[in-house]
């Protein structure tokens, strides 16, 4: 990956180089050297960022506790109906 693509992915996902370096547990200076002398960004960075983005999406799609409790109650009610033969599977 080129440094420009790396920066675009960070920007799109509201990440700074500092935050990325903390997430990836590498030094900030290391990340900055990728922009110098046409160095490539290491191969592991793109999959790492992809996983980070997927994780953020999943976190945002979580349901709240109230919705979760309602779903549990519906599930229990459905199981009762199934056990009584009131619902055809």
PDB file of N, CA and C in Angstrom:
ATOM      1  N   UNK A   1       0.849  -1.164   0.000  1.00  0.00           N
ATOM      2  CA  UNK A   1       0.000   0.000   0.000  1.00  0.00           C
ATOM      3  C   UNK A   1       0.896   1.229   0.000  1.00  0.00           C
ATOM      4  N   UNK A   2       0.478   2.201  -0.767  1.00  0.00           N
ATOM      5  CA  UNK A   2       1.200   3.465  -0.795  1.00  0.00           C
ATOM      6  C   UNK A   2       0.799   4.308   0.413  1.00  0.00           C
ATOM      7  N   UNK A   3       1.671   5.218   0.785  1.00  0.00           N
ATOM      8  CA  UNK A   3       1.424   6.067   1.949  1.00  0.00           C
ATOM      9  C   UNK A   3       0.156   6.903   1.764  1.00  0.00           C
ATOM     10  N   UNK A   4      -0.092   7.361   0.550  1.00  0.00           N
ATOM     11  CA  UNK A   4      -1.269   8.181   0.271  1.00  0.00           C
ATOM     12  C   UNK A   4      -2.556   7.393   0.582  1.00  0.00           C
ATOM     13  N   UNK A   5      -2.589   6.134   0.182  1.00  0.00           N
ATOM     14  CA  UNK A   5      -3.755   5.295   0.469  1.00  0.00           C
ATOM     15  C   UNK A   5      -3.915   5.099   1.981  1.00  0.00           C
ATOM     16  N   UNK A   6      -2.795   4.874   2.652  1.00  0.00           N
ATOM     17  CA  UNK A   6      -2.792   4.728   4.107  1.00  0.00           C
ATOM     18  C   UNK A   6      -3.425   5.963   4.758  1.00  0.00           C
ATOM     19  N   UNK A   7      -2.961   7.137   4.360  1.00  0.00           N
ATOM     20  CA  UNK A   7      -3.484   8.389   4.919  1.00  0.00           C
ATOM     21  C   UNK A   7      -4.974   8.550   4.611  1.00  0.00           C
ATOM     22  N   UNK A   8      -5.398   8.172   3.401  1.00  0.00           N
ATOM     23  CA  UNK A   8      -6.808   8.277   3.038  1.00  0.00           C
ATOM     24  C   UNK A   8      -7.682   7.369   3.896  1.00  0.00           C
ATOM     25  N   UNK A   9      -7.213   6.155   4.143  1.00  0.00           N
ATOM     26  CA  UNK A   9      -7.968   5.220   4.988  1.00  0.00           C
ATOM     27  C   UNK A   9      -8.079   5.773   6.402  1.00  0.00           C
ATOM     28  N   UNK A  10      -6.970   6.313   6.916  1.00  0.00           N
ATOM     29  CA  UNK A  10      -7.013   6.906   8.251  1.00  0.00           C
ATOM     30  C   UNK A  10      -8.023   8.052   8.298  1.00  0.00           C
ATOM     31  N   UNK A  11      -7.948   8.922   7.320  1.00  0.00           N
ATOM     32  CA  UNK A  11      -8.827  10.093   7.289  1.00  0.00           C
ATOM     33  C   UNK A  11     -10.293   9.666   7.203  1.00  0.00           C
ATOM     34  N   UNK A  12     -10.575   8.728   6.328  1.00  0.00           N
ATOM     35  CA  UNK A  12     -11.949   8.246   6.137  1.00  0.00           C
ATOM     36  C   UNK A  12     -12.522   7.678   7.432  1.00  0.00           C
ATOM     37  N   UNK A  13     -11.666   7.090   8.254  1.00  0.00           N
ATOM     38  CA  UNK A  13     -12.110   6.458   9.492  1.00  0.00           C
ATOM     39  C   UNK A  13     -11.804   7.287  10.735  1.00  0.00           C
ATOM     40  N   UNK A  14     -11.515   8.553  10.497  1.00  0.00           N
ATOM     41  CA  UNK A  14     -11.286   9.516  11.572  1.00  0.00           C
ATOM     42  C   UNK A  14     -10.194   9.062  12.540  1.00  0.00           C
ATOM     43  N   UNK A  15      -9.110   8.583  11.954  1.00  0.00           N
ATOM     44  CA  UNK A  15      -7.945   8.168  12.739  1.00  0.00           C
ATOM     45  C   UNK A  15      -6.772   9.085  12.413  1.00  0.00           C
ATOM     46  N   UNK A  16      -5.998   9.377  13.409  1.00  0.00           N
ATOM     47  CA  UNK A  16      -4.756  10.109  13.195  1.00  0.00           C
ATOM     48  C   UNK A  16      -3.619   9.097  13.169  1.00  0.00           C
ATOM     49  N   UNK A  17      -2.472   9.536  12.710  1.00  0.00           N
ATOM     50  CA  UNK A  17      -1.306   8.648  12.734  1.00  0.00           C
ATOM     51  C   UNK A  17      -0.966   8.295  14.173  1.00  0.00           C
ATOM     52  N   UNK A  18      -1.107   9.246  15.059  1.00  0.00           N
ATOM     53  CA  UNK A  18      -0.833   8.988  16.476  1.00  0.00           C
ATOM     54  C   UNK A  18      -1.744   7.895  17.022  1.00  0.00           C
ATOM     55  N   UNK A  19      -3.042   8.001  16.727  1.00  0.00           N
ATOM     56  CA  UNK A  19      -4.005   6.999  17.209  1.00  0.00           C
ATOM     57  C   UNK A  19      -3.710   5.635  16.583  1.00  0.00           C
ATOM     58  N   UNK A  20      -3.404   5.633  15.276  1.00  0.00           N
ATOM     59  CA  UNK A  20      -3.060   4.374  14.617  1.00  0.00           C
ATOM     60  C   UNK A  20      -1.841   3.742  15.262  1.00  0.00           C
ATOM     61  N   UNK A  21      -0.817   4.530  15.529  1.00  0.00           N
ATOM     62  CA  UNK A  21       0.403   3.981  16.125  1.00  0.00           C
ATOM     63  C   UNK A  21       0.116   3.377  17.500  1.00  0.00           C
ATOM     64  N   UNK A  22      -0.794   4.000  18.251  1.00  0.00           N
ATOM     65  CA  UNK A  22      -1.179   3.446  19.554  1.00  0.00           C
ATOM     66  C   UNK A  22      -1.947   2.137  19.386  1.00  0.00           C
ATOM     67  N   UNK A  23      -2.884   2.106  18.432  1.00  0.00           N
ATOM     68  CA  UNK A  23      -3.665   0.890  18.185  1.00  0.00           C
ATOM     69  C   UNK A  23      -2.783  -0.266  17.732  1.00  0.00           C
ATOM     70  N   UNK A  24      -1.833   0.046  16.859  1.00  0.00           N
ATOM     71  CA  UNK A  24      -0.959  -0.976  16.288  1.00  0.00           C
ATOM     72  C   UNK A  24       0.243  -1.290  17.172  1.00  0.00           C
ATOM     73  N   UNK A  25       0.398  -0.510  18.230  1.00  0.00           N
ATOM     74  CA  UNK A  25       1.513  -0.693  19.167  1.00  0.00           C
ATOM     75  C   UNK A  25       2.877  -0.566  18.482  1.00  0.00           C
ATOM     76  N   UNK A  26       2.975   0.470  17.644  1.00  0.00           N
ATOM     77  CA  UNK A  26       4.249   0.792  17.008  1.00  0.00           C
ATOM     78  C   UNK A  26       4.518   2.281  17.246  1.00  0.00           C
ATOM     79  N   UNK A  27       5.732   2.675  17.033  1.00  0.00           N
ATOM     80  CA  UNK A  27       6.073   4.067  17.322  1.00  0.00           C
ATOM     81  C   UNK A  27       5.500   5.009  16.254  1.00  0.00           C
ATOM     82  N   UNK A  28       5.174   6.176  16.716  1.00  0.00           N
ATOM     83  CA  UNK A  28       4.671   7.230  15.843  1.00  0.00           C
ATOM     84  C   UNK A  28       5.704   7.560  14.762  1.00  0.00           C
ATOM     85  N   UNK A  29       6.965   7.603  15.152  1.00  0.00           N
ATOM     86  CA  UNK A  29       8.041   7.907  14.199  1.00  0.00           C
ATOM     87  C   UNK A  29       8.130   6.873  13.085  1.00  0.00           C
ATOM     88  N   UNK A  30       7.884   5.620  13.421  1.00  0.00           N
ATOM     89  CA  UNK A  30       7.904   4.566  12.402  1.00  0.00           C
ATOM     90  C   UNK A  30       6.855   4.856  11.337  1.00  0.00           C
ATOM     91  N   UNK A  31       5.651   5.198  11.776  1.00  0.00           N
ATOM     92  CA  UNK A  31       4.576   5.513  10.826  1.00  0.00           C
ATOM     93  C   UNK A  31       4.941   6.705   9.945  1.00  0.00           C
ATOM     94  N   UNK A  32       5.582   7.683  10.527  1.00  0.00           N
ATOM     95  CA  UNK A  32       5.969   8.856   9.745  1.00  0.00           C
ATOM     96  C   UNK A  32       7.054   8.561   8.724  1.00  0.00           C
ATOM     97  N   UNK A  33       7.911   7.592   8.996  1.00  0.00           N
ATOM     98  CA  UNK A  33       8.972   7.273   8.031  1.00  0.00           C
ATOM     99  C   UNK A  33       8.410   6.654   6.755  1.00  0.00           C
ATOM    100  N   UNK A  34       7.195   6.109   6.821  1.00  0.00           N
ATOM    101  CA  UNK A  34       6.597   5.528   5.625  1.00  0.00           C
ATOM    102  C   UNK A  34       6.341   6.585   4.564  1.00  0.00           C
ATOM    103  N   UNK A  35       6.250   7.828   4.953  1.00  0.00           N
ATOM    104  CA  UNK A  35       5.980   8.889   3.993  1.00  0.00           C
ATOM    105  C   UNK A  35       7.252   9.393   3.313  1.00  0.00           C
ATOM    106  N   UNK A  36       8.396   8.954   3.786  1.00  0.00           N
ATOM    107  CA  UNK A  36       9.667   9.455   3.263  1.00  0.00           C
ATOM    108  C   UNK A  36      10.302   8.477   2.283  1.00  0.00           C
ATOM    109  N   UNK A  37      11.017   9.007   1.335  1.00  0.00           N
ATOM    110  CA  UNK A  37      11.815   8.221   0.388  1.00  0.00           C
ATOM    111  C   UNK A  37      11.014   7.141  -0.331  1.00  0.00           C
ATOM    112  N   UNK A  38       9.728   7.412  -0.615  1.00  0.00           N
ATOM    113  CA  UNK A  38       8.874   6.458  -1.338  1.00  0.00           C
ATOM    114  C   UNK A  38       8.830   5.067  -0.709  1.00  0.00           C
ATOM    115  N   UNK A  39       8.913   5.015   0.599  1.00  0.00           N
ATOM    116  CA  UNK A  39       8.821   3.726   1.287  1.00  0.00           C
ATOM    117  C   UNK A  39       7.382   3.219   1.227  1.00  0.00           C
ATOM    118  N   UNK A  40       7.245   1.913   1.135  1.00  0.00           N
ATOM    119  CA  UNK A  40       5.912   1.315   1.155  1.00  0.00           C
ATOM    120  C   UNK A  40       5.459   1.133   2.590  1.00  0.00           C
ATOM    121  N   UNK A  41       4.169   1.209   2.773  1.00  0.00           N
ATOM    122  CA  UNK A  41       3.589   0.895   4.074  1.00  0.00           C
ATOM    123  C   UNK A  41       3.636  -0.635   4.186  1.00  0.00           C
ATOM    124  N   UNK A  42       4.019  -1.177   5.336  1.00  0.00           N
ATOM    125  CA  UNK A  42       4.122  -2.637   5.478  1.00  0.00           C
ATOM    126  C   UNK A  42       2.822  -3.360   5.104  1.00  0.00           C
ATOM    127  N   UNK A  43       2.957  -4.587   4.623  1.00  0.00           N
ATOM    128  CA  UNK A  43       1.819  -5.376   4.145  1.00  0.00           C
ATOM    129  C   UNK A  43       0.759  -5.638   5.209  1.00  0.00           C
ATOM    130  N   UNK A  44       1.135  -5.688   6.463  1.00  0.00           N
ATOM    131  CA  UNK A  44       0.176  -6.028   7.518  1.00  0.00           C
ATOM    132  C   UNK A  44      -0.770  -4.873   7.849  1.00  0.00           C
ATOM    133  N   UNK A  45      -0.439  -3.655   7.414  1.00  0.00           N
ATOM    134  CA  UNK A  45      -1.208  -2.478   7.818  1.00  0.00           C
ATOM    135  C   UNK A  45      -2.621  -2.485   7.231  1.00  0.00           C
ATOM    136  N   UNK A  46      -2.758  -2.803   5.955  1.00  0.00           N
ATOM    137  CA  UNK A  46      -4.081  -2.768   5.326  1.00  0.00           C
ATOM    138  C   UNK A  46      -5.035  -3.782   5.973  1.00  0.00           C
ATOM    139  N   UNK A  47      -4.643  -5.051   6.155  1.00  0.00           N
ATOM    140  CA  UNK A  47      -5.549  -5.984   6.844  1.00  0.00           C
ATOM    141  C   UNK A  47      -5.852  -5.543   8.275  1.00  0.00           C
ATOM    142  N   UNK A  48      -4.865  -4.963   8.943  1.00  0.00           N
ATOM    143  CA  UNK A  48      -5.069  -4.461  10.299  1.00  0.00           C
ATOM    144  C   UNK A  48      -6.143  -3.380  10.305  1.00  0.00           C
ATOM    145  N   UNK A  49      -6.037  -2.443   9.379  1.00  0.00           N
ATOM    146  CA  UNK A  49      -7.029  -1.370   9.290  1.00  0.00           C
ATOM    147  C   UNK A  49      -8.405  -1.909   8.907  1.00  0.00           C
ATOM    148  N   UNK A  50      -8.442  -2.876   8.000  1.00  0.00           N
ATOM    149  CA  UNK A  50      -9.720  -3.486   7.621  1.00  0.00           C
ATOM    150  C   UNK A  50     -10.410  -4.109   8.833  1.00  0.00           C
ATOM    151  N   UNK A  51      -9.648  -4.832   9.642  1.00  0.00           N
ATOM    152  CA  UNK A  51     -10.219  -5.442  10.847  1.00  0.00           C
ATOM    153  C   UNK A  51     -10.677  -4.381  11.839  1.00  0.00           C
ATOM    154  N   UNK A  52      -9.907  -3.330  11.967  1.00  0.00           N
ATOM    155  CA  UNK A  52     -10.289  -2.234  12.857  1.00  0.00           C
ATOM    156  C   UNK A  52     -11.624  -1.639  12.417  1.00  0.00           C
ATOM    157  N   UNK A  53     -11.754  -1.360  11.130  1.00  0.00           N
ATOM    158  CA  UNK A  53     -12.975  -0.754  10.594  1.00  0.00           C
ATOM    159  C   UNK A  53     -14.165  -1.698  10.793  1.00  0.00           C
ATOM    160  N   UNK A  54     -13.992  -2.979  10.492  1.00  0.00           N
ATOM    161  CA  UNK A  54     -15.070  -3.951  10.694  1.00  0.00           C
ATOM    162  C   UNK A  54     -15.497  -3.994  12.151  1.00  0.00           C
ATOM    163  N   UNK A  55     -14.544  -3.960  13.039  1.00  0.00           N
ATOM    164  CA  UNK A  55     -14.842  -3.982  14.467  1.00  0.00           C
ATOM    165  C   UNK A  55     -15.649  -2.749  14.872  1.00  0.00           C
ATOM    166  N   UNK A  56     -15.277  -1.591  14.347  1.00  0.00           N
ATOM    167  CA  UNK A  56     -16.000  -0.362  14.675  1.00  0.00           C
ATOM    168  C   UNK A  56     -17.441  -0.433  14.163  1.00  0.00           C
ATOM    169  N   UNK A  57     -17.621  -0.985  12.967  1.00  0.00           N
ATOM    170  CA  UNK A  57     -18.963  -1.122  12.407  1.00  0.00           C
ATOM    171  C   UNK A  57     -19.802  -2.032  13.296  1.00  0.00           C
ATOM    172  N   UNK A  58     -19.230  -3.156  13.696  1.00  0.00           N
ATOM    173  CA  UNK A  58     -19.971  -4.085  14.558  1.00  0.00           C
ATOM    174  C   UNK A  58     -20.313  -3.458  15.902  1.00  0.00           C
ATOM    175  N   UNK A  59     -19.410  -2.691  16.453  1.00  0.00           N
ATOM    176  CA  UNK A  59     -19.700  -2.011  17.719  1.00  0.00           C
ATOM    177  C   UNK A  59     -20.881  -1.061  17.566  1.00  0.00           C
ATOM    178  N   UNK A  60     -20.947  -0.375  16.452  1.00  0.00           N
ATOM    179  CA  UNK A  60     -22.022   0.594  16.218  1.00  0.00           C
ATOM    180  C   UNK A  60     -23.369  -0.069  15.944  1.00  0.00           C
ATOM    181  N   UNK A  61     -23.351  -1.335  15.537  1.00  0.00           N
ATOM    182  CA  UNK A  61     -24.592  -2.028  15.227  1.00  0.00           C
ATOM    183  C   UNK A  61     -25.172  -2.769  16.423  1.00  0.00           C
ATOM    184  N   UNK A  62     -24.530  -2.703  17.545  1.00  0.00           N
ATOM    185  CA  UNK A  62     -25.046  -3.367  18.741  1.00  0.00           C
ATOM    186  C   UNK A  62     -26.389  -2.792  19.142  1.00  0.00           C
ATOM    187  N   UNK A  63     -27.214  -3.653  19.691  1.00  0.00           N
ATOM    188  CA  UNK A  63     -28.491  -3.186  20.195  1.00  0.00           C
ATOM    189  C   UNK A  63     -28.342  -2.836  21.664  1.00  0.00           C
ATOM    190  N   UNK A  64     -29.216  -1.989  22.152  1.00  0.00           N
ATOM    191  CA  UNK A  64     -29.120  -1.605  23.554  1.00  0.00           C
ATOM    192  C   UNK A  64     -29.723  -2.685  24.457  1.00  0.00           C
ATOM    193  N   UNK A  65     -29.548  -2.541  25.755  1.00  0.00           N
ATOM    194  CA  UNK A  65     -29.993  -3.548  26.713  1.00  0.00           C
ATOM    195  C   UNK A  65     -31.501  -3.765  26.681  1.00  0.00           C
ATOM    196  N   UNK A  66     -32.254  -2.694  26.518  1.00  0.00           N
ATOM    197  CA  UNK A  66     -33.713  -2.813  26.480  1.00  0.00           C
ATOM    198  C   UNK A  66     -34.147  -3.666  25.287  1.00  0.00           C
ATOM    199  N   UNK A  67     -33.596  -3.381  24.119  1.00  0.00           N
ATOM    200  CA  UNK A  67     -33.922  -4.171  22.928  1.00  0.00           C
ATOM    201  C   UNK A  67     -33.517  -5.625  23.115  1.00  0.00           C
ATOM    202  N   UNK A  68     -32.372  -5.844  23.740  1.00  0.00           N
ATOM    203  CA  UNK A  68     -31.898  -7.204  23.986  1.00  0.00           C
ATOM    204  C   UNK A  68     -32.864  -7.954  24.897  1.00  0.00           C
ATOM    205  N   UNK A  69     -33.320  -7.318  25.953  1.00  0.00           N
ATOM    206  CA  UNK A  69     -34.273  -7.942  26.877  1.00  0.00           C
ATOM    207  C   UNK A  69     -35.588  -8.258  26.169  1.00  0.00           C
ATOM    208  N   UNK A  70     -36.037  -7.358  25.312  1.00  0.00           N
ATOM    209  CA  UNK A  70     -37.269  -7.598  24.549  1.00  0.00           C
ATOM    210  C   UNK A  70     -37.116  -8.801  23.628  1.00  0.00           C
ATOM    211  N   UNK A  71     -35.952  -8.907  22.999  1.00  0.00           N
ATOM    212  CA  UNK A  71     -35.711 -10.060  22.131  1.00  0.00           C
ATOM    213  C   UNK A  71     -35.679 -11.358  22.922  1.00  0.00           C
ATOM    214  N   UNK A  72     -35.100 -11.335  24.115  1.00  0.00           N
ATOM    215  CA  UNK A  72     -35.087 -12.523  24.962  1.00  0.00           C
ATOM    216  C   UNK A  72     -36.497 -12.933  25.360  1.00  0.00           C
ATOM    217  N   UNK A  73     -37.336 -11.963  25.696  1.00  0.00           N
ATOM    218  CA  UNK A  73     -38.721 -12.255  26.066  1.00  0.00           C
ATOM    219  C   UNK A  73     -39.491 -12.844  24.890  1.00  0.00           C
ATOM    220  N   UNK A  74     -39.288 -12.283  23.706  1.00  0.00           N
ATOM    221  CA  UNK A  74     -39.940 -12.826  22.507  1.00  0.00           C
ATOM    222  C   UNK A  74     -39.483 -14.257  22.231  1.00  0.00           C
ATOM    223  N   UNK A  75     -38.197 -14.480  22.413  1.00  0.00           N
ATOM    224  CA  UNK A  75     -37.658 -15.825  22.195  1.00  0.00           C
ATOM    225  C   UNK A  75     -38.278 -16.827  23.163  1.00  0.00           C
ATOM    226  N   UNK A  76     -38.390 -16.440  24.433  1.00  0.00           N
ATOM    227  CA  UNK A  76     -38.988 -17.323  25.433  1.00  0.00           C
ATOM    228  C   UNK A  76     -40.448 -17.612  25.084  1.00  0.00           C
ATOM    229  N   UNK A  77     -41.183 -16.574  24.699  1.00  0.00           N
ATOM    230  CA  UNK A  77     -42.592 -16.753  24.342  1.00  0.00           C
ATOM    231  C   UNK A  77     -42.728 -17.673  23.137  1.00  0.00           C
ATOM    232  N   UNK A  78     -41.862 -17.509  22.172  1.00  0.00           N
ATOM    233  CA  UNK A  78     -41.896 -18.355  20.986  1.00  0.00           C
ATOM    234  C   UNK A  78     -41.583 -19.808  21.350  1.00  0.00           C
ATOM    235  N   UNK A  79     -40.600 -20.007  22.240  1.00  0.00           N
ATOM    236  CA  UNK A  79     -40.256 -21.358  22.666  1.00  0.00           C
ATOM    237  C   UNK A  79     -41.413 -22.023  23.392  1.00  0.00           C
ATOM    238  N   UNK A  80     -42.158 -21.256  24.190  1.00  0.00           N
ATOM    239  CA  UNK A  80     -43.335 -21.796  24.885  1.00  0.00           C
ATOM    240  C   UNK A  80     -44.380 -22.231  23.867  1.00  0.00           C
ATOM    241  N   UNK A  81     -44.634 -21.381  22.888  1.00  0.00           N
ATOM    242  CA  UNK A  81     -45.608 -21.732  21.853  1.00  0.00           C
ATOM    243  C   UNK A  81     -45.176 -22.972  21.077  1.00  0.00           C
ATOM    244  N   UNK A  82     -43.878 -23.065  20.783  1.00  0.00           N
ATOM    245  CA  UNK A  82     -43.365 -24.249  20.087  1.00  0.00           C
ATOM    246  C   UNK A  82     -43.569 -25.501  20.923  1.00  0.00           C
ATOM    247  N   UNK A  83     -43.286 -25.425  22.203  1.00  0.00           N
ATOM    248  CA  UNK A  83     -43.397 -26.591  23.074  1.00  0.00           C
ATOM    249  C   UNK A  83     -44.850 -27.049  23.235  1.00  0.00           C
ATOM    250  N   UNK A  84     -45.792 -26.130  23.053  1.00  0.00           N
ATOM    251  CA  UNK A  84     -47.213 -26.475  23.164  1.00  0.00           C
ATOM    252  C   UNK A  84     -47.813 -26.862  21.820  1.00  0.00           C
ATOM    253  N   UNK A  85     -46.999 -26.852  20.791  1.00  0.00           N
ATOM    254  CA  UNK A  85     -47.470 -27.216  19.461  1.00  0.00           C
ATOM    255  C   UNK A  85     -48.336 -26.161  18.800  1.00  0.00           C
ATOM    256  N   UNK A  86     -48.271 -24.945  19.295  1.00  0.00           N
ATOM    257  CA  UNK A  86     -49.090 -23.848  18.751  1.00  0.00           C
ATOM    258  C   UNK A  86     -48.475 -23.244  17.495  1.00  0.00           C
ATOM    259  N   UNK A  87     -47.185 -23.496  17.270  1.00  0.00           N
ATOM    260  CA  UNK A  87     -46.492 -22.940  16.119  1.00  0.00           C
ATOM    261  C   UNK A  87     -45.923 -24.081  15.302  1.00  0.00           C
ATOM    262  N   UNK A  88     -46.167 -24.046  14.016  1.00  0.00           N
ATOM    263  CA  UNK A  88     -45.622 -25.052  13.112  1.00  0.00           C
ATOM    264  C   UNK A  88     -44.252 -24.586  12.678  1.00  0.00           C
ATOM    265  N   UNK A  89     -43.262 -25.463  12.867  1.00  0.00           N
ATOM    266  CA  UNK A  89     -41.884 -25.079  12.502  1.00  0.00           C
ATOM    267  C   UNK A  89     -41.698 -25.037  11.015  1.00  0.00           C
TER     268      UNK A  89
END
